[in-house]
């Protein structure tokens, strides 16, 4: 189909859903010819001197810069570290690029730098190089950050990929969903909820390394950021050419987040998370995986939420009323600039 030359990029193209996928497939992949890129994993697997590494990159434009128990600095480390972890890699090094707007307070910049340093220390990664640019006032929005990460594959025999889910496998989530996006919305709009809602922003690499070393056979793994669990599971179902069934009553959603979703008309499955991992494992390893995840502070509320079956790439939700509905890839933008 002929492209409309007047068509423009919208905020929805950055939401991690169907339009983001379309942007990548129709434009970016057209010009960047790479087998590694074409897989659309969370990072690229590269071999250097017979050793397997993963490289990934992420950019952060969140507004506000400071939110409940987090900030753009912490997020910029967690986001890249978690992408490496999702590929089965132990993060080792980060690069860091800052685009600063003229007028940014040095006090705010220092808070962000301190937060990055603290989070990198927790994750066990070293920030080794970077770049800084400054744009004129009103030509940016205080600060944008890009981080690139390099990590070494923990267990080369373990093949983790969005294309590896098989019928009979089990779907696990490492904790409550939707907290990050609702927390950012609350802080951005100055909303007041009866119960406190905090972002789940956290580095998950130590928890995931512990899981891999336990011997659990992980098939697929992704951190459900933009587009949430719905986007990630749709991608895995499509790429693996299977269907995934999740059970509504098993989804870990806190009462405050459910209440906020009810008021705002949001779908919890499509909300962004910054400290959760979706993990698909061999059925025989499911309970072992849960037990292992629960040992870590970021996995205390891990649970099985569904399973993989033969199918045509659909994500199916079994509702509390015993019905079923197909959950589509998120279409638009629930909330822009959440990461």
Protein backbone atom coordinates (compact mmCIF):
# COMPACT_ATOMS: atom_id res chain seq x y z
CA UNK A 1 0.00 0.00 0.00
CA UNK A 2 1.31 3.45 -0.98
CA UNK A 3 2.46 5.57 1.96
CA UNK A 4 0.93 8.98 2.60
CA UNK A 5 3.81 11.50 2.38
CA UNK A 6 1.97 13.84 4.77
CA UNK A 7 1.60 11.19 7.48
CA UNK A 8 3.36 12.16 10.70
CA UNK A 9 4.67 10.45 13.80
CA UNK A 10 2.34 10.69 16.81
CA UNK A 11 2.80 10.07 20.52
CA UNK A 12 1.10 6.70 20.01
CA UNK A 13 4.06 5.58 17.88
CA UNK A 14 6.15 5.66 21.06
CA UNK A 15 3.70 3.78 23.25
CA UNK A 16 5.11 0.30 22.74
CA UNK A 17 1.95 -1.06 21.09
CA UNK A 18 0.80 -1.80 17.55
CA UNK A 19 1.82 1.58 16.10
CA UNK A 20 5.30 1.37 17.64
CA UNK A 21 5.70 -2.05 16.05
CA UNK A 22 4.49 -0.64 12.73
CA UNK A 23 6.99 2.24 12.91
CA UNK A 24 9.83 -0.23 13.39
CA UNK A 25 8.68 -2.69 10.73
CA UNK A 26 7.67 -0.17 8.04
CA UNK A 27 10.51 2.31 8.43
CA UNK A 28 13.44 1.40 10.67
CA UNK A 29 13.91 -2.21 9.54
CA UNK A 30 13.56 -1.07 5.93
CA UNK A 31 16.86 0.81 6.11
CA UNK A 32 18.77 -0.98 8.88
CA UNK A 33 19.45 -4.41 7.42
CA UNK A 34 20.57 -6.64 10.26
CA UNK A 35 19.61 -10.18 11.18
CA UNK A 36 20.11 -9.32 14.85
CA UNK A 37 17.88 -6.24 14.63
CA UNK A 38 15.19 -8.12 12.70
CA UNK A 39 14.57 -10.38 15.71
CA UNK A 40 13.32 -7.36 17.72
CA UNK A 41 14.56 -8.75 21.01
CA UNK A 42 15.39 -6.58 24.04
CA UNK A 43 19.01 -6.55 22.90
CA UNK A 44 21.41 -7.98 20.33
CA UNK A 45 23.42 -11.12 21.01
CA UNK A 46 27.02 -10.66 19.84
CA UNK A 47 30.04 -12.95 19.95
CA UNK A 48 33.47 -11.54 20.83
CA UNK A 49 36.46 -13.89 21.09
CA UNK A 50 34.13 -16.89 21.50
CA UNK A 51 32.29 -15.20 24.38
CA UNK A 52 28.61 -14.27 24.18
CA UNK A 53 27.57 -10.73 25.03
CA UNK A 54 24.38 -8.70 24.77
CA UNK A 55 24.23 -5.02 23.85
CA UNK A 56 21.13 -2.89 24.27
CA UNK A 57 20.22 0.79 24.33
CA UNK A 58 17.34 2.84 25.72
CA UNK A 59 16.34 6.50 25.88
CA UNK A 60 14.42 8.16 28.69
CA UNK A 61 12.14 11.19 28.41
CA UNK A 62 9.89 10.72 31.45
CA UNK A 63 7.88 13.63 32.84
CA UNK A 64 8.04 14.54 35.69
CA UNK A 65 11.76 14.03 36.26
CA UNK A 66 11.13 13.07 39.88
CA UNK A 67 8.29 10.73 40.85
CA UNK A 68 7.27 8.43 43.71
CA UNK A 69 10.43 6.56 44.84
CA UNK A 70 12.20 7.27 41.56
CA UNK A 71 13.54 9.72 39.02
CA UNK A 72 14.80 9.79 35.43
CA UNK A 73 18.31 8.88 36.60
CA UNK A 74 17.28 5.72 38.44
CA UNK A 75 15.00 4.81 35.55
CA UNK A 76 17.78 5.22 32.97
CA UNK A 77 19.91 2.63 34.76
CA UNK A 78 17.08 0.21 35.60
CA UNK A 79 15.62 0.26 32.10
CA UNK A 80 18.82 -0.78 30.37
CA UNK A 81 19.93 -3.19 33.08
CA UNK A 82 16.55 -4.94 32.94
CA UNK A 83 16.71 -5.28 29.16
CA UNK A 84 20.07 -7.03 29.51
CA UNK A 85 18.67 -9.27 32.25
CA UNK A 86 15.71 -10.18 30.03
CA UNK A 87 18.20 -11.50 27.47
CA UNK A 88 19.86 -13.69 30.09
CA UNK A 89 22.91 -11.44 30.47
CA UNK A 90 24.78 -10.15 33.51
CA UNK A 91 25.10 -6.36 33.04
CA UNK A 92 28.70 -5.14 33.23
CA UNK A 93 29.03 -1.71 31.61
CA UNK A 94 26.82 1.26 30.78
CA UNK A 95 27.34 4.31 28.61
CA UNK A 96 25.40 7.46 29.33
CA UNK A 97 24.32 10.34 27.10
CA UNK A 98 22.70 13.53 28.42
CA UNK A 99 20.73 16.09 26.42
CA UNK A 100 20.35 19.02 28.80
CA UNK A 101 18.16 22.07 28.33
CA UNK A 102 19.57 25.48 29.11
CA UNK A 103 18.15 26.50 32.48
CA UNK A 104 18.19 23.06 34.14
CA UNK A 105 19.05 23.53 37.81
CA UNK A 106 22.44 22.13 38.83
CA UNK A 107 20.78 20.88 42.02
CA UNK A 108 18.35 18.76 39.99
CA UNK A 109 21.12 17.50 37.72
CA UNK A 110 23.16 16.47 40.75
CA UNK A 111 20.18 14.60 42.28
CA UNK A 112 19.81 12.68 39.03
CA UNK A 113 23.53 11.84 38.87
CA UNK A 114 23.55 10.65 42.49
CA UNK A 115 20.51 8.47 41.79
CA UNK A 116 22.19 6.93 38.74
CA UNK A 117 25.33 6.22 40.77
CA UNK A 118 23.37 4.59 43.59
CA UNK A 119 21.30 2.43 41.23
CA UNK A 120 24.34 1.37 39.20
CA UNK A 121 26.04 0.30 42.42
CA UNK A 122 23.01 -1.82 43.40
CA UNK A 123 22.95 -3.41 39.95
CA UNK A 124 26.70 -4.01 39.98
CA UNK A 125 27.36 -2.12 36.75
CA UNK A 126 29.96 0.52 35.91
CA UNK A 127 29.16 3.68 33.93
CA UNK A 128 32.28 3.92 31.77
CA UNK A 129 31.73 6.57 29.09
CA UNK A 130 29.21 9.12 27.91
CA UNK A 131 28.37 12.38 26.19
CA UNK A 132 26.72 15.67 27.12
CA UNK A 133 24.91 18.14 24.87
CA UNK A 134 23.05 21.33 25.83
CA UNK A 135 20.17 22.78 23.79
CA UNK A 136 18.65 26.26 24.00
CA UNK A 137 15.93 27.04 26.51
CA UNK A 138 12.49 25.84 25.30
CA UNK A 139 14.14 23.48 22.79
CA UNK A 140 14.09 20.50 25.14
CA UNK A 141 12.44 19.52 28.39
CA UNK A 142 15.10 19.86 31.09
CA UNK A 143 16.88 16.55 30.51
CA UNK A 144 16.73 13.48 28.27
CA UNK A 145 19.01 10.50 28.96
CA UNK A 146 20.23 7.63 26.81
CA UNK A 147 22.00 4.61 28.26
CA UNK A 148 23.59 1.72 26.40
CA UNK A 149 24.45 -1.47 28.23
CA UNK A 150 26.77 -4.40 27.65
CA UNK A 151 26.46 -7.67 29.53
CA UNK A 152 27.82 -11.19 29.32
CA UNK A 153 25.46 -14.14 28.80
CA UNK A 154 25.21 -16.00 32.11
CA UNK A 155 24.43 -19.46 30.74
CA UNK A 156 25.21 -19.87 27.00
CA UNK A 157 23.31 -23.17 26.80
CA UNK A 158 20.08 -21.39 27.81
CA UNK A 159 18.40 -19.94 24.72
CA UNK A 160 16.04 -17.15 25.80
CA UNK A 161 14.01 -15.62 22.99
CA UNK A 162 10.55 -14.28 22.21
CA UNK A 163 10.37 -17.08 19.62
CA UNK A 164 10.97 -19.96 22.05
CA UNK A 165 7.62 -20.31 23.86
CA UNK A 166 6.03 -23.74 23.32
CA UNK A 167 2.60 -25.24 24.13
CA UNK A 168 2.55 -26.41 27.75
CA UNK A 169 4.93 -23.71 29.00
CA UNK A 170 3.89 -21.58 31.97
CA UNK A 171 3.67 -17.76 32.18
CA UNK A 172 5.00 -16.03 35.31
CA UNK A 173 4.95 -12.38 36.38
CA UNK A 174 7.39 -11.27 39.10
CA UNK A 175 4.92 -9.04 40.98
CA UNK A 176 2.11 -6.49 40.93
CA UNK A 177 1.48 -4.80 37.58
CA UNK A 178 0.62 -1.23 36.63
CA UNK A 179 2.18 0.61 39.55
CA UNK A 180 4.74 2.66 37.61
CA UNK A 181 2.34 4.20 35.11
CA UNK A 182 -0.27 5.08 37.74
CA UNK A 183 2.41 6.56 40.05
CA UNK A 184 3.74 8.76 37.23
CA UNK A 185 0.21 9.87 36.30
CA UNK A 186 -0.49 10.75 39.94
CA UNK A 187 2.66 12.84 40.29
CA UNK A 188 2.34 14.50 36.89
CA UNK A 189 -1.27 15.57 37.32
CA UNK A 190 -1.15 16.16 41.08
CA UNK A 191 -3.84 13.56 41.69
CA UNK A 192 -4.70 12.30 45.14
CA UNK A 193 -5.62 8.68 45.77
CA UNK A 194 -6.82 7.25 49.06
CA UNK A 195 -3.96 4.74 49.14
CA UNK A 196 -0.35 5.50 48.25
CA UNK A 197 0.82 4.24 44.86
CA UNK A 198 4.56 4.04 44.22
CA UNK A 199 6.52 3.28 41.07
CA UNK A 200 8.02 -0.21 40.98
CA UNK A 201 11.21 1.07 39.29
CA UNK A 202 14.01 -1.34 40.25
CA UNK A 203 17.04 -3.19 38.82
CA UNK A 204 16.07 -6.84 38.38
CA UNK A 205 19.36 -8.29 37.14
CA UNK A 206 20.46 -9.85 40.43
CA UNK A 207 17.08 -11.57 40.85
CA UNK A 208 17.18 -12.89 37.27
CA UNK A 209 20.80 -14.06 37.56
CA UNK A 210 19.81 -16.01 40.67
CA UNK A 211 16.92 -17.58 38.73
CA UNK A 212 19.12 -18.58 35.78
CA UNK A 213 21.80 -20.11 38.02
CA UNK A 214 19.11 -22.16 39.80
CA UNK A 215 18.75 -24.24 36.63
CA UNK A 216 15.22 -23.15 35.70
CA UNK A 217 14.62 -23.61 31.96
CA UNK A 218 13.56 -20.13 30.85
CA UNK A 219 12.09 -20.01 27.33
CA UNK A 220 11.15 -16.34 26.90
CA UNK A 221 11.60 -13.29 29.13
CA UNK A 222 10.71 -9.61 28.77
CA UNK A 223 10.27 -6.61 31.06
CA UNK A 224 6.75 -5.23 30.42
CA UNK A 225 7.43 -1.49 30.13
CA UNK A 226 5.52 0.59 27.54
CA UNK A 227 2.39 -1.27 26.50
CA UNK A 228 2.58 -3.43 29.61
CA UNK A 229 2.00 -7.16 29.91
CA UNK A 230 -0.50 -7.07 27.03
CA UNK A 231 2.10 -5.81 24.57
CA UNK A 232 4.83 -8.23 25.66
CA UNK A 233 2.64 -11.34 25.61
CA UNK A 234 1.16 -10.40 22.24
CA UNK A 235 4.69 -10.07 20.85
CA UNK A 236 5.74 -13.46 22.25
CA UNK A 237 2.55 -15.15 21.01
CA UNK A 238 3.04 -13.73 17.52
CA UNK A 239 6.78 -14.46 17.33
CA UNK A 240 6.51 -17.99 18.77
CA UNK A 241 3.42 -18.74 16.64
CA UNK A 242 1.43 -19.94 19.63
CA UNK A 243 -1.38 -18.56 21.79
CA UNK A 244 -1.12 -17.51 25.42
CA UNK A 245 -3.92 -17.82 27.97
CA UNK A 246 -3.85 -15.71 31.14
CA UNK A 247 -6.33 -15.83 34.01
CA UNK A 248 -7.75 -12.55 35.26
CA UNK A 249 -8.16 -13.78 38.83
CA UNK A 250 -4.47 -14.65 38.99
CA UNK A 251 -3.20 -11.26 37.82
CA UNK A 252 -1.45 -9.44 40.69
CA UNK A 253 -3.00 -5.97 40.63
CA UNK A 254 -3.18 -3.96 43.86
CA UNK A 255 -6.52 -2.52 44.98
CA UNK A 256 -5.29 1.10 44.62
CA UNK A 257 -4.18 0.46 41.01
CA UNK A 258 -7.46 -1.31 40.22
CA UNK A 259 -9.38 1.63 41.67
CA UNK A 260 -7.33 4.13 39.64
CA UNK A 261 -7.88 2.09 36.47
CA UNK A 262 -11.61 2.04 37.13
CA UNK A 263 -11.70 5.82 37.50
CA UNK A 264 -9.42 6.55 34.52
CA UNK A 265 -10.71 3.84 32.22
CA UNK A 266 -7.30 2.15 31.96
CA UNK A 267 -6.59 -1.52 31.28
CA UNK A 268 -4.11 -2.85 33.91
CA UNK A 269 -2.61 -5.26 31.38
CA UNK A 270 -1.57 -2.32 29.19
CA UNK A 271 0.03 -0.24 31.96
CA UNK A 272 3.79 0.27 32.00
CA UNK A 273 6.00 -1.35 34.63
CA UNK A 274 9.65 -0.62 35.41
CA UNK A 275 10.43 -3.33 37.95
CA UNK A 276 8.68 -6.46 36.75
CA UNK A 277 9.60 -9.36 34.50
CA UNK A 278 7.38 -11.62 32.40
CA UNK A 279 8.98 -15.07 32.35
CA UNK A 280 7.87 -18.11 30.36
CA UNK A 281 9.32 -21.39 31.64
CA UNK A 282 9.03 -25.10 31.08
CA UNK A 283 6.03 -26.40 33.05
CA UNK A 284 8.15 -28.74 35.18
CA UNK A 285 10.21 -25.77 36.40
CA UNK A 286 7.30 -23.43 37.21
CA UNK A 287 7.11 -23.99 40.97
CA UNK A 288 10.90 -23.96 41.28
CA UNK A 289 10.96 -20.62 39.48
CA UNK A 290 8.31 -19.11 41.77
CA UNK A 291 10.11 -20.34 44.88
CA UNK A 292 13.38 -18.87 43.63
CA UNK A 293 11.90 -15.49 42.66
CA UNK A 294 10.16 -15.12 46.01
CA UNK A 295 13.53 -15.26 47.78
CA UNK A 296 14.41 -11.87 46.28
CA UNK A 297 12.97 -8.56 47.52
CA UNK A 298 11.78 -7.66 44.01
CA UNK A 299 10.04 -11.00 43.46
CA UNK A 300 8.03 -11.45 46.67
CA UNK A 301 4.69 -11.40 44.85
CA UNK A 302 5.69 -13.56 41.88
CA UNK A 303 3.00 -15.86 40.57
CA UNK A 304 1.86 -18.02 37.68
CA UNK A 305 -0.69 -16.15 35.58
CA UNK A 306 -1.22 -18.39 32.57
CA UNK A 307 0.04 -20.91 30.07
CA UNK A 308 0.98 -21.41 26.43
CA UNK A 309 -1.12 -23.46 24.02
CA UNK A 310 -1.30 -24.16 20.30
CA UNK A 311 -2.82 -21.24 18.45
CA UNK A 312 -2.53 -18.41 15.97
CA UNK A 313 -0.65 -15.78 17.95
CA UNK A 314 -3.47 -14.62 20.22
CA UNK A 315 -3.44 -13.45 23.82
CA UNK A 316 -6.55 -14.76 25.55
CA UNK A 317 -7.86 -13.54 28.90
CA UNK A 318 -10.00 -15.89 31.01
CA UNK A 319 -12.24 -13.52 32.93
CA UNK A 320 -13.46 -13.82 36.51
CA UNK A 321 -16.93 -14.61 35.16
CA UNK A 322 -15.62 -17.69 33.28
CA UNK A 323 -15.71 -15.92 29.93
CA UNK A 324 -12.89 -15.43 27.46
CA UNK A 325 -11.77 -12.48 25.38
CA UNK A 326 -8.86 -11.75 23.10
CA UNK A 327 -6.53 -9.03 24.40
CA UNK A 328 -5.16 -7.09 21.45
CA UNK A 329 -1.84 -5.32 21.17
CA UNK A 330 -2.37 -1.84 22.72
CA UNK A 331 -3.41 0.56 19.98
CA UNK A 332 -2.93 4.10 21.28
CA UNK A 333 -1.21 6.00 24.06
CA UNK A 334 -2.70 5.68 27.55
CA UNK A 335 -0.13 8.09 28.98
CA UNK A 336 2.81 9.62 27.08
CA UNK A 337 6.34 9.97 28.46
CA UNK A 338 6.18 7.35 31.18
CA UNK A 339 9.77 6.19 30.67
